[in-house]
Amino acid sequence: MSKYEIIIYWSKEDKAFIAEVPELPGCVADGNSYQQALANTETIINEWIETAKSLKRPIPKPKGKLMYA
């Protein structure tokens, strides 16, 4: 399980739960349920990190709870 903060909310427009990872720009997943969005987020975090590694980009360290979230 990731240590990055994940923000999950319902999107009326998308008719899905949206999960964002603020510390990883562009790292967003969705799901029909809260649990599915969370599971999809774990997958997308791993993919985000693997892509950053392959492109030799920095990978932010998890900070835990963010003050603005």
Protein backbone atom coordinates (compact mmCIF):
# COMPACT_ATOMS: atom_id res chain seq x y z
CA MET A 1 0.00 0.00 0.00
CA SER A 2 1.22 3.46 -0.93
CA LYS A 3 2.10 6.09 1.64
CA TYR A 4 1.04 8.98 -0.58
CA GLU A 5 -2.00 10.98 0.42
CA ILE A 6 -5.06 10.10 -1.67
CA ILE A 7 -8.10 12.36 -1.91
CA ILE A 8 -11.29 10.58 -2.98
CA TYR A 9 -14.54 12.33 -3.85
CA TRP A 10 -17.72 11.70 -5.83
CA SER A 11 -17.96 13.41 -9.21
CA LYS A 12 -21.54 14.01 -10.26
CA GLU A 13 -20.33 14.96 -13.74
CA ASP A 14 -18.36 11.73 -14.21
CA LYS A 15 -20.78 9.61 -12.17
CA ALA A 16 -17.79 8.01 -10.47
CA PHE A 17 -15.52 8.32 -7.47
CA ILE A 18 -12.36 10.25 -8.36
CA ALA A 19 -9.09 9.62 -6.52
CA GLU A 20 -6.27 12.16 -6.76
CA VAL A 21 -2.70 11.90 -5.51
CA PRO A 22 -1.65 15.55 -4.97
CA GLU A 23 2.05 14.77 -4.55
CA LEU A 24 2.25 13.03 -7.94
CA PRO A 25 1.16 15.50 -10.65
CA GLY A 26 -1.46 14.07 -12.97
CA CYS A 27 -1.89 10.91 -10.89
CA VAL A 28 -5.66 10.39 -10.91
CA ALA A 29 -7.88 7.31 -10.98
CA ASP A 30 -11.59 6.61 -10.78
CA GLY A 31 -14.00 3.85 -9.90
CA ASN A 32 -17.67 3.00 -9.55
CA SER A 33 -17.20 2.62 -5.79
CA TYR A 34 -14.93 4.20 -3.20
CA GLN A 35 -13.08 0.90 -2.79
CA GLN A 36 -12.61 0.48 -6.55
CA ALA A 37 -11.26 4.04 -6.89
CA LEU A 38 -8.80 3.34 -4.06
CA ALA A 39 -7.66 0.05 -5.63
CA ASN A 40 -7.27 1.72 -9.03
CA THR A 41 -5.22 4.47 -7.40
CA GLU A 42 -2.70 1.97 -6.03
CA THR A 43 -2.24 0.66 -9.58
CA ILE A 44 -1.85 4.11 -11.10
CA ILE A 45 0.63 5.20 -8.39
CA ASN A 46 2.84 2.22 -9.26
CA GLU A 47 2.57 3.04 -12.97
CA TRP A 48 3.34 6.73 -12.30
CA ILE A 49 6.49 5.77 -10.37
CA GLU A 50 7.63 3.26 -13.01
CA THR A 51 7.15 5.86 -15.76
CA ALA A 52 9.09 8.48 -13.77
CA LYS A 53 11.93 5.98 -13.25
CA SER A 54 12.08 5.09 -16.95
CA LEU A 55 12.19 8.81 -17.85
CA LYS A 56 14.78 9.45 -15.09
CA ARG A 57 12.47 11.99 -13.43
CA PRO A 58 12.47 12.67 -9.69
CA ILE A 59 9.99 10.76 -7.56
CA PRO A 60 8.63 12.79 -4.63
CA LYS A 61 8.88 11.21 -1.19
CA PRO A 62 5.48 10.73 0.51
CA LYS A 63 4.81 13.57 2.94
CA GLY A 64 1.70 12.19 4.59
CA LYS A 65 -1.19 14.49 5.37
CA LEU A 66 -1.01 17.74 3.44
CA MET A 67 -2.09 20.97 5.06
CA TYR A 68 -4.29 22.13 2.18
CA ALA A 69 -6.18 18.90 1.64
